[in-house]
Amino acid sequence: VQLQASGGGLVQAGGSLRLSCTTSGFTFADYHIGWFRQAPGKEREFVASIRSGRDPRYADSVQGRFTISRDNAKSTLYLQMNSLKPEDTAVYYCKANVQSENYWGQGTLVTVSS
């Protein structure tokens, strides 16, 4: 199982970014997958997740600003981030739970300037 996150960068507050997580080594369509983030000096936290049957879930801090989606044909997960705030600055990781084991991508850095 491999996951590769990309799409991070530097953006001004109020801007947008779209993260992607390409995957391989498992039947993507069958599994629950999501995004987490870790800000400097803080613990990793849940951002959003989506099950094989869709049903997206969001952290309260990003509800209404971020949208998680998946393209099962491309085995790819996305995170559309709008109205970004400086407090969204973090390394963003994708995670898949495959047969009760968690697999993480390498992370992509998002920096939001004020």
Protein backbone atom coordinates (compact mmCIF):
# COMPACT_ATOMS: atom_id res chain seq x y z
CA VAL A 1 0.00 0.00 0.00
CA GLN A 2 1.38 3.38 -1.01
CA LEU A 3 -0.01 6.89 -0.71
CA GLN A 4 1.53 10.04 -2.14
CA ALA A 5 0.21 13.47 -1.18
CA SER A 6 0.83 16.54 -3.30
CA GLY A 7 -0.50 20.01 -4.01
CA GLY A 8 0.72 21.93 -0.98
CA GLY A 9 2.31 25.34 -1.19
CA LEU A 10 2.27 28.93 0.01
CA VAL A 11 -1.00 30.84 -0.25
CA GLN A 12 -2.38 34.05 1.20
CA ALA A 13 -5.21 34.02 3.69
CA GLY A 14 -8.53 33.71 1.90
CA GLY A 15 -6.97 31.73 -0.94
CA SER A 16 -7.48 28.18 -2.12
CA LEU A 17 -5.47 25.04 -2.67
CA ARG A 18 -6.31 21.56 -3.87
CA LEU A 19 -4.47 18.61 -2.42
CA SER A 20 -4.25 15.23 -4.10
CA CYS A 21 -3.37 11.82 -2.73
CA THR A 22 -2.55 9.17 -5.29
CA THR A 23 -2.65 5.59 -4.08
CA SER A 24 -1.67 2.09 -5.13
CA GLY A 25 -1.47 -1.42 -3.76
CA PHE A 26 -5.06 -1.83 -2.66
CA THR A 27 -8.60 -1.63 -4.05
CA PHE A 28 -9.09 2.07 -3.45
CA ALA A 29 -12.85 2.04 -3.97
CA ASP A 30 -13.39 -0.37 -1.08
CA TYR A 31 -11.77 1.57 1.75
CA HIS A 32 -12.18 4.51 4.07
CA ILE A 33 -9.60 7.22 3.43
CA GLY A 34 -8.98 10.67 4.82
CA TRP A 35 -6.82 13.70 5.51
CA PHE A 36 -5.02 14.66 8.69
CA ARG A 37 -2.72 17.57 9.44
CA GLN A 38 0.03 18.45 11.86
CA ALA A 39 0.93 22.02 12.67
CA PRO A 40 4.33 22.92 14.16
CA GLY A 41 4.45 21.96 17.81
CA LYS A 42 1.04 20.31 17.74
CA GLU A 43 -0.32 16.80 17.50
CA ARG A 44 -1.64 15.38 14.27
CA GLU A 45 -5.37 16.02 13.93
CA PHE A 46 -8.24 14.80 11.82
CA VAL A 47 -9.34 17.03 8.93
CA ALA A 48 -11.76 15.05 6.78
CA SER A 49 -12.56 11.53 5.65
CA ILE A 50 -14.73 9.73 3.16
CA ARG A 51 -15.94 6.15 3.06
CA SER A 52 -16.24 3.92 0.07
CA GLY A 53 -19.91 4.83 -0.08
CA ARG A 54 -19.08 8.54 0.10
CA ASP A 55 -20.49 9.97 3.39
CA PRO A 56 -17.86 12.69 3.96
CA ARG A 57 -16.99 13.83 7.47
CA TYR A 58 -15.19 17.02 8.52
CA ALA A 59 -13.53 18.51 11.53
CA ASP A 60 -15.50 21.47 12.89
CA SER A 61 -12.58 23.76 12.12
CA VAL A 62 -12.80 23.13 8.36
CA GLN A 63 -16.52 22.44 7.90
CA GLY A 64 -17.90 24.64 5.14
CA ARG A 65 -14.46 25.59 3.80
CA PHE A 66 -12.92 22.26 2.82
CA THR A 67 -14.36 19.58 0.55
CA ILE A 68 -13.11 16.01 0.41
CA SER A 69 -13.74 13.89 -2.65
CA ARG A 70 -12.50 10.72 -4.27
CA ASP A 71 -12.08 9.46 -7.81
CA ASN A 72 -12.25 5.69 -7.55
CA ALA A 73 -11.31 5.23 -11.22
CA LYS A 74 -8.03 7.07 -10.58
CA SER A 75 -7.49 5.74 -7.03
CA THR A 76 -7.05 9.32 -5.94
CA LEU A 77 -8.27 11.34 -2.98
CA TYR A 78 -8.68 15.13 -3.07
CA LEU A 79 -9.06 17.94 -0.59
CA GLN A 80 -10.32 21.27 -1.93
CA MET A 81 -9.42 23.95 0.60
CA ASN A 82 -11.09 27.36 0.30
CA SER A 83 -11.05 30.45 2.49
CA LEU A 84 -7.75 29.37 3.96
CA LYS A 85 -6.65 30.81 7.28
CA PRO A 86 -3.18 31.10 8.84
CA GLU A 87 -4.24 28.47 11.38
CA ASP A 88 -4.61 25.99 8.51
CA THR A 89 -0.83 26.02 8.14
CA ALA A 90 0.38 22.45 8.61
CA VAL A 91 1.74 19.38 6.94
CA TYR A 92 -1.22 17.52 5.45
CA TYR A 93 -1.22 13.74 5.33
CA CYS A 94 -3.54 11.28 3.66
CA LYS A 95 -4.35 8.07 5.46
CA ALA A 96 -6.01 4.85 4.34
CA ASN A 97 -7.35 2.19 6.66
CA VAL A 98 -6.85 -1.08 4.77
CA GLN A 99 -7.77 -4.35 6.47
CA SER A 100 -7.59 -2.72 9.91
CA GLU A 101 -4.13 -1.26 9.33
CA ASN A 102 -3.38 2.43 8.84
CA TYR A 103 -1.18 3.58 5.97
CA TRP A 104 0.09 7.16 5.67
CA GLY A 105 1.37 9.25 2.81
CA GLN A 106 4.50 11.33 3.24
CA GLY A 107 2.74 14.67 3.74
CA THR A 108 2.56 17.93 1.85
CA LEU A 109 3.19 21.33 3.44
CA VAL A 110 0.52 24.02 3.33
CA THR A 111 1.54 27.49 4.47
CA VAL A 112 -1.06 30.24 4.74
CA SER A 113 0.28 33.76 5.14
CA SER A 114 -1.71 36.51 6.83
